[in-house]
Amino acid sequence: AGSLVAPMPGSVVRVAVEAGQDVEPGQPLVVVEAMKMEHTVAAPRAGRVAEVRVAHGEQVDGGSVLVVLEESDD
């Protein structure tokens, strides 16, 4: 629960958040390039980034956990 995964295999071209950061619904978290297209993984809800499990340039498999969100304390 709270894990956001790669939609398909590809390369991480941007990590837009860091652990501890509060995010809003729809905020871009990670951008993965696959098949010459960029796919943005966005926050489905407000929360706090618990973990960022990828870095720029990293190759990921489809279904790999990219970011873990937790409920914010607010």
PDB file of N, CA and C in Angstrom:
ATOM      1  N   ALA A   1       0.846  -1.197   0.000  1.00  0.00           N
ATOM      2  CA  ALA A   1       0.000   0.000   0.000  1.00  0.00           C
ATOM      3  C   ALA A   1       0.876   1.240   0.000  1.00  0.00           C
ATOM      4  N   GLY A   2       0.520   2.222  -0.795  1.00  0.00           N
ATOM      5  CA  GLY A   2       1.276   3.459  -0.859  1.00  0.00           C
ATOM      6  C   GLY A   2       2.405   3.445  -1.864  1.00  0.00           C
ATOM      7  N   SER A   3       2.647   2.291  -2.492  1.00  0.00           N
ATOM      8  CA  SER A   3       3.736   2.197  -3.461  1.00  0.00           C
ATOM      9  C   SER A   3       3.270   2.619  -4.849  1.00  0.00           C
ATOM     10  N   LEU A   4       4.091   3.416  -5.501  1.00  0.00           N
ATOM     11  CA  LEU A   4       3.823   3.805  -6.886  1.00  0.00           C
ATOM     12  C   LEU A   4       4.839   3.088  -7.747  1.00  0.00           C
ATOM     13  N   VAL A   5       4.353   2.425  -8.807  1.00  0.00           N
ATOM     14  CA  VAL A   5       5.204   1.549  -9.595  1.00  0.00           C
ATOM     15  C   VAL A   5       5.392   2.047 -11.018  1.00  0.00           C
ATOM     16  N   ALA A   6       6.434   1.537 -11.656  1.00  0.00           N
ATOM     17  CA  ALA A   6       6.720   1.867 -13.050  1.00  0.00           C
ATOM     18  C   ALA A   6       5.632   1.260 -13.935  1.00  0.00           C
ATOM     19  N   PRO A   7       5.087   2.045 -14.860  1.00  0.00           N
ATOM     20  CA  PRO A   7       4.023   1.534 -15.729  1.00  0.00           C
ATOM     21  C   PRO A   7       4.524   0.516 -16.741  1.00  0.00           C
ATOM     22  N   MET A   8       5.829   0.554 -17.043  1.00  0.00           N
ATOM     23  CA  MET A   8       6.452  -0.357 -17.999  1.00  0.00           C
ATOM     24  C   MET A   8       7.953  -0.254 -17.836  1.00  0.00           C
ATOM     25  N   PRO A   9       8.714  -1.181 -18.420  1.00  0.00           N
ATOM     26  CA  PRO A   9      10.167  -1.073 -18.329  1.00  0.00           C
ATOM     27  C   PRO A   9      10.658   0.190 -19.015  1.00  0.00           C
ATOM     28  N   GLY A  10      11.675   0.808 -18.449  1.00  0.00           N
ATOM     29  CA  GLY A  10      12.221   2.023 -19.055  1.00  0.00           C
ATOM     30  C   GLY A  10      13.350   2.593 -18.240  1.00  0.00           C
ATOM     31  N   SER A  11      13.678   3.836 -18.549  1.00  0.00           N
ATOM     32  CA  SER A  11      14.770   4.545 -17.895  1.00  0.00           C
ATOM     33  C   SER A  11      14.215   5.749 -17.144  1.00  0.00           C
ATOM     34  N   VAL A  12      14.659   5.932 -15.912  1.00  0.00           N
ATOM     35  CA  VAL A  12      14.219   7.079 -15.113  1.00  0.00           C
ATOM     36  C   VAL A  12      14.925   8.328 -15.650  1.00  0.00           C
ATOM     37  N   VAL A  13      14.141   9.282 -16.138  1.00  0.00           N
ATOM     38  CA  VAL A  13      14.732  10.506 -16.679  1.00  0.00           C
ATOM     39  C   VAL A  13      14.591  11.685 -15.728  1.00  0.00           C
ATOM     40  N   ARG A  14      13.730  11.542 -14.707  1.00  0.00           N
ATOM     41  CA  ARG A  14      13.588  12.627 -13.739  1.00  0.00           C
ATOM     42  C   ARG A  14      12.983  12.112 -12.444  1.00  0.00           C
ATOM     43  N   VAL A  15      13.567  12.508 -11.331  1.00  0.00           N
ATOM     44  CA  VAL A  15      12.999  12.263 -10.011  1.00  0.00           C
ATOM     45  C   VAL A  15      12.689  13.639  -9.452  1.00  0.00           C
ATOM     46  N   ALA A  16      11.405  13.920  -9.246  1.00  0.00           N
ATOM     47  CA  ALA A  16      10.979  15.273  -8.895  1.00  0.00           C
ATOM     48  C   ALA A  16      10.736  15.475  -7.402  1.00  0.00           C
ATOM     49  N   VAL A  17      10.935  14.427  -6.604  1.00  0.00           N
ATOM     50  CA  VAL A  17      10.677  14.536  -5.162  1.00  0.00           C
ATOM     51  C   VAL A  17      11.809  13.880  -4.381  1.00  0.00           C
ATOM     52  N   GLU A  18      11.800  14.114  -3.081  1.00  0.00           N
ATOM     53  CA  GLU A  18      12.763  13.455  -2.197  1.00  0.00           C
ATOM     54  C   GLU A  18      12.028  13.000  -0.951  1.00  0.00           C
ATOM     55  N   ALA A  19      12.619  12.072  -0.229  1.00  0.00           N
ATOM     56  CA  ALA A  19      12.011  11.537   0.987  1.00  0.00           C
ATOM     57  C   ALA A  19      11.718  12.668   1.972  1.00  0.00           C
ATOM     58  N   GLY A  20      10.538  12.594   2.586  1.00  0.00           N
ATOM     59  CA  GLY A  20      10.117  13.600   3.554  1.00  0.00           C
ATOM     60  C   GLY A  20       9.313  14.739   2.967  1.00  0.00           C
ATOM     61  N   GLN A  21       9.263  14.823   1.656  1.00  0.00           N
ATOM     62  CA  GLN A  21       8.552  15.915   0.982  1.00  0.00           C
ATOM     63  C   GLN A  21       7.049  15.648   0.972  1.00  0.00           C
ATOM     64  N   ASP A  22       6.257  16.683   1.240  1.00  0.00           N
ATOM     65  CA  ASP A  22       4.804  16.590   1.119  1.00  0.00           C
ATOM     66  C   ASP A  22       4.423  16.796  -0.335  1.00  0.00           C
ATOM     67  N   VAL A  23       3.433  16.023  -0.810  1.00  0.00           N
ATOM     68  CA  VAL A  23       2.979  16.126  -2.196  1.00  0.00           C
ATOM     69  C   VAL A  23       1.469  16.278  -2.249  1.00  0.00           C
ATOM     70  N   GLU A  24       1.011  16.850  -3.341  1.00  0.00           N
ATOM     71  CA  GLU A  24      -0.417  17.055  -3.587  1.00  0.00           C
ATOM     72  C   GLU A  24      -0.896  16.075  -4.648  1.00  0.00           C
ATOM     73  N   PRO A  25      -2.191  15.804  -4.709  1.00  0.00           N
ATOM     74  CA  PRO A  25      -2.704  14.909  -5.748  1.00  0.00           C
ATOM     75  C   PRO A  25      -2.341  15.426  -7.146  1.00  0.00           C
ATOM     76  N   GLY A  26      -1.872  14.531  -7.988  1.00  0.00           N
ATOM     77  CA  GLY A  26      -1.510  14.888  -9.358  1.00  0.00           C
ATOM     78  C   GLY A  26      -0.109  15.438  -9.530  1.00  0.00           C
ATOM     79  N   GLN A  27       0.599  15.656  -8.441  1.00  0.00           N
ATOM     80  CA  GLN A  27       1.968  16.190  -8.530  1.00  0.00           C
ATOM     81  C   GLN A  27       2.901  15.147  -9.134  1.00  0.00           C
ATOM     82  N   PRO A  28       3.684  15.519 -10.159  1.00  0.00           N
ATOM     83  CA  PRO A  28       4.635  14.574 -10.747  1.00  0.00           C
ATOM     84  C   PRO A  28       5.690  14.147  -9.730  1.00  0.00           C
ATOM     85  N   LEU A  29       5.961  12.846  -9.688  1.00  0.00           N
ATOM     86  CA  LEU A  29       6.954  12.310  -8.762  1.00  0.00           C
ATOM     87  C   LEU A  29       8.183  11.800  -9.504  1.00  0.00           C
ATOM     88  N   VAL A  30       7.950  10.996 -10.539  1.00  0.00           N
ATOM     89  CA  VAL A  30       9.023  10.385 -11.321  1.00  0.00           C
ATOM     90  C   VAL A  30       8.592  10.356 -12.785  1.00  0.00           C
ATOM     91  N   VAL A  31       9.544  10.565 -13.694  1.00  0.00           N
ATOM     92  CA  VAL A  31       9.278  10.448 -15.126  1.00  0.00           C
ATOM     93  C   VAL A  31      10.137   9.301 -15.654  1.00  0.00           C
ATOM     94  N   VAL A  32       9.461   8.350 -16.326  1.00  0.00           N
ATOM     95  CA  VAL A  32      10.129   7.188 -16.905  1.00  0.00           C
ATOM     96  C   VAL A  32       9.998   7.278 -18.421  1.00  0.00           C
ATOM     97  N   GLU A  33      11.116   7.094 -19.128  1.00  0.00           N
ATOM     98  CA  GLU A  33      11.090   7.082 -20.588  1.00  0.00           C
ATOM     99  C   GLU A  33      11.061   5.635 -21.060  1.00  0.00           C
ATOM    100  N   ALA A  34      10.071   5.341 -21.899  1.00  0.00           N
ATOM    101  CA  ALA A  34       9.944   3.999 -22.467  1.00  0.00           C
ATOM    102  C   ALA A  34       9.417   4.136 -23.880  1.00  0.00           C
ATOM    103  N   MET A  35      10.011   3.415 -24.796  1.00  0.00           N
ATOM    104  CA  MET A  35       9.571   3.434 -26.191  1.00  0.00           C
ATOM    105  C   MET A  35       9.534   4.859 -26.751  1.00  0.00           C
ATOM    106  N   LYS A  36      10.565   5.655 -26.392  1.00  0.00           N
ATOM    107  CA  LYS A  36      10.730   7.042 -26.850  1.00  0.00           C
ATOM    108  C   LYS A  36       9.603   7.972 -26.393  1.00  0.00           C
ATOM    109  N   MET A  37       8.881   7.578 -25.353  1.00  0.00           N
ATOM    110  CA  MET A  37       7.838   8.426 -24.775  1.00  0.00           C
ATOM    111  C   MET A  37       8.104   8.577 -23.285  1.00  0.00           C
ATOM    112  N   GLU A  38       7.754   9.728 -22.740  1.00  0.00           N
ATOM    113  CA  GLU A  38       7.902   9.945 -21.306  1.00  0.00           C
ATOM    114  C   GLU A  38       6.582   9.673 -20.603  1.00  0.00           C
ATOM    115  N   HIS A  39       6.650   8.917 -19.515  1.00  0.00           N
ATOM    116  CA  HIS A  39       5.482   8.561 -18.726  1.00  0.00           C
ATOM    117  C   HIS A  39       5.679   9.135 -17.323  1.00  0.00           C
ATOM    118  N   THR A  40       4.781  10.023 -16.924  1.00  0.00           N
ATOM    119  CA  THR A  40       4.875  10.647 -15.611  1.00  0.00           C
ATOM    120  C   THR A  40       4.099   9.834 -14.585  1.00  0.00           C
ATOM    121  N   VAL A  41       4.768   9.489 -13.495  1.00  0.00           N
ATOM    122  CA  VAL A  41       4.116   8.832 -12.374  1.00  0.00           C
ATOM    123  C   VAL A  41       3.800   9.942 -11.376  1.00  0.00           C
ATOM    124  N   ALA A  42       2.505  10.166 -11.138  1.00  0.00           N
ATOM    125  CA  ALA A  42       2.060  11.279 -10.296  1.00  0.00           C
ATOM    126  C   ALA A  42       1.437  10.759  -9.004  1.00  0.00           C
ATOM    127  N   ALA A  43       1.390  11.627  -8.012  1.00  0.00           N
ATOM    128  CA  ALA A  43       0.784  11.278  -6.721  1.00  0.00           C
ATOM    129  C   ALA A  43      -0.723  11.090  -6.896  1.00  0.00           C
ATOM    130  N   PRO A  44      -1.257   9.957  -6.464  1.00  0.00           N
ATOM    131  CA  PRO A  44      -2.695   9.728  -6.582  1.00  0.00           C
ATOM    132  C   PRO A  44      -3.500  10.467  -5.512  1.00  0.00           C
ATOM    133  N   ARG A  45      -2.786  10.892  -4.461  1.00  0.00           N
ATOM    134  CA  ARG A  45      -3.434  11.581  -3.339  1.00  0.00           C
ATOM    135  C   ARG A  45      -2.386  12.416  -2.615  1.00  0.00           C
ATOM    136  N   ALA A  46      -2.839  13.256  -1.722  1.00  0.00           N
ATOM    137  CA  ALA A  46      -1.905  14.022  -0.899  1.00  0.00           C
ATOM    138  C   ALA A  46      -1.215  13.068   0.074  1.00  0.00           C
ATOM    139  N   GLY A  47       0.015  13.378   0.404  1.00  0.00           N
ATOM    140  CA  GLY A  47       0.750  12.551   1.352  1.00  0.00           C
ATOM    141  C   GLY A  47       2.173  13.027   1.493  1.00  0.00           C
ATOM    142  N   ARG A  48       2.974  12.194   2.111  1.00  0.00           N
ATOM    143  CA  ARG A  48       4.392  12.497   2.312  1.00  0.00           C
ATOM    144  C   ARG A  48       5.197  11.357   1.677  1.00  0.00           C
ATOM    145  N   VAL A  49       6.274  11.728   1.011  1.00  0.00           N
ATOM    146  CA  VAL A  49       7.142  10.731   0.388  1.00  0.00           C
ATOM    147  C   VAL A  49       7.925  10.023   1.495  1.00  0.00           C
ATOM    148  N   ALA A  50       7.679   8.716   1.651  1.00  0.00           N
ATOM    149  CA  ALA A  50       8.382   7.922   2.660  1.00  0.00           C
ATOM    150  C   ALA A  50       9.720   7.444   2.110  1.00  0.00           C
ATOM    151  N   GLU A  51       9.722   7.022   0.835  1.00  0.00           N
ATOM    152  CA  GLU A  51      10.952   6.508   0.217  1.00  0.00           C
ATOM    153  C   GLU A  51      10.956   6.845  -1.266  1.00  0.00           C
ATOM    154  N   VAL A  52      12.127   7.135  -1.780  1.00  0.00           N
ATOM    155  CA  VAL A  52      12.357   7.217  -3.223  1.00  0.00           C
ATOM    156  C   VAL A  52      13.317   6.082  -3.525  1.00  0.00           C
ATOM    157  N   ARG A  53      12.882   5.119  -4.322  1.00  0.00           N
ATOM    158  CA  ARG A  53      13.677   3.905  -4.545  1.00  0.00           C
ATOM    159  C   ARG A  53      14.425   3.881  -5.868  1.00  0.00           C
ATOM    160  N   VAL A  54      14.394   4.990  -6.611  1.00  0.00           N
ATOM    161  CA  VAL A  54      15.091   5.046  -7.900  1.00  0.00           C
ATOM    162  C   VAL A  54      15.892   6.338  -8.003  1.00  0.00           C
ATOM    163  N   ALA A  55      16.792   6.356  -8.975  1.00  0.00           N
ATOM    164  CA  ALA A  55      17.605   7.539  -9.231  1.00  0.00           C
ATOM    165  C   ALA A  55      17.606   7.826 -10.728  1.00  0.00           C
ATOM    166  N   HIS A  56      17.926   9.055 -11.080  1.00  0.00           N
ATOM    167  CA  HIS A  56      18.020   9.456 -12.488  1.00  0.00           C
ATOM    168  C   HIS A  56      18.958   8.515 -13.235  1.00  0.00           C
ATOM    169  N   GLY A  57      18.536   8.080 -14.415  1.00  0.00           N
ATOM    170  CA  GLY A  57      19.352   7.220 -15.250  1.00  0.00           C
ATOM    171  C   GLY A  57      19.197   5.731 -14.985  1.00  0.00           C
ATOM    172  N   GLU A  58      18.537   5.378 -13.923  1.00  0.00           N
ATOM    173  CA  GLU A  58      18.362   3.971 -13.566  1.00  0.00           C
ATOM    174  C   GLU A  58      17.370   3.278 -14.508  1.00  0.00           C
ATOM    175  N   GLN A  59      17.669   2.045 -14.865  1.00  0.00           N
ATOM    176  CA  GLN A  59      16.746   1.234 -15.658  1.00  0.00           C
ATOM    177  C   GLN A  59      15.806   0.517 -14.681  1.00  0.00           C
ATOM    178  N   VAL A  60      14.501   0.540 -14.984  1.00  0.00           N
ATOM    179  CA  VAL A  60      13.517  -0.111 -14.116  1.00  0.00           C
ATOM    180  C   VAL A  60      12.675  -1.087 -14.931  1.00  0.00           C
ATOM    181  N   ASP A  61      12.181  -2.105 -14.262  1.00  0.00           N
ATOM    182  CA  ASP A  61      11.256  -3.053 -14.869  1.00  0.00           C
ATOM    183  C   ASP A  61       9.831  -2.570 -14.621  1.00  0.00           C
ATOM    184  N   GLY A  62       8.915  -2.996 -15.479  1.00  0.00           N
ATOM    185  CA  GLY A  62       7.508  -2.684 -15.241  1.00  0.00           C
ATOM    186  C   GLY A  62       7.083  -3.263 -13.908  1.00  0.00           C
ATOM    187  N   GLY A  63       6.380  -2.490 -13.117  1.00  0.00           N
ATOM    188  CA  GLY A  63       5.940  -2.931 -11.802  1.00  0.00           C
ATOM    189  C   GLY A  63       6.931  -2.688 -10.685  1.00  0.00           C
ATOM    190  N   SER A  64       8.120  -2.176 -11.012  1.00  0.00           N
ATOM    191  CA  SER A  64       9.107  -1.851  -9.969  1.00  0.00           C
ATOM    192  C   SER A  64       8.604  -0.688  -9.123  1.00  0.00           C
ATOM    193  N   VAL A  65       8.817  -0.769  -7.826  1.00  0.00           N
ATOM    194  CA  VAL A  65       8.414   0.309  -6.929  1.00  0.00           C
ATOM    195  C   VAL A  65       9.362   1.482  -7.128  1.00  0.00           C
ATOM    196  N   LEU A  66       8.778   2.661  -7.427  1.00  0.00           N
ATOM    197  CA  LEU A  66       9.562   3.874  -7.639  1.00  0.00           C
ATOM    198  C   LEU A  66       9.577   4.754  -6.398  1.00  0.00           C
ATOM    199  N   VAL A  67       8.383   4.967  -5.839  1.00  0.00           N
ATOM    200  CA  VAL A  67       8.203   5.870  -4.694  1.00  0.00           C
ATOM    201  C   VAL A  67       7.187   5.249  -3.760  1.00  0.00           C
ATOM    202  N   VAL A  68       7.391   5.441  -2.453  1.00  0.00           N
ATOM    203  CA  VAL A  68       6.416   5.004  -1.456  1.00  0.00           C
ATOM    204  C   VAL A  68       5.857   6.251  -0.782  1.00  0.00           C
ATOM    205  N   LEU A  69       4.522   6.367  -0.796  1.00  0.00           N
ATOM    206  CA  LEU A  69       3.833   7.489  -0.149  1.00  0.00           C
ATOM    207  C   LEU A  69       3.206   7.022   1.152  1.00  0.00           C
ATOM    208  N   GLU A  70       3.176   7.913   2.129  1.00  0.00           N
ATOM    209  CA  GLU A  70       2.470   7.648   3.374  1.00  0.00           C
ATOM    210  C   GLU A  70       1.515   8.799   3.614  1.00  0.00           C
ATOM    211  N   GLU A  71       0.576   8.586   4.504  1.00  0.00           N
ATOM    212  CA  GLU A  71      -0.333   9.666   4.872  1.00  0.00           C
ATOM    213  C   GLU A  71       0.460  10.774   5.537  1.00  0.00           C
ATOM    214  N   SER A  72       0.131  12.019   5.213  1.00  0.00           N
ATOM    215  CA  SER A  72       0.840  13.119   5.862  1.00  0.00           C
ATOM    216  C   SER A  72       0.284  13.312   7.273  1.00  0.00           C
ATOM    217  N   ASP A  73       1.080  13.943   8.133  1.00  0.00           N
ATOM    218  CA  ASP A  73       0.688  14.158   9.525  1.00  0.00           C
ATOM    219  C   ASP A  73      -0.269  15.321   9.707  1.00  0.00           C
ATOM    220  N   ASP A  74      -0.529  16.055   8.614  1.00  0.00           N
ATOM    221  CA  ASP A  74      -1.374  17.255   8.721  1.00  0.00           C
ATOM    222  C   ASP A  74      -2.796  16.918   9.054  1.00  0.00           C
TER     223      ASP A  74
END
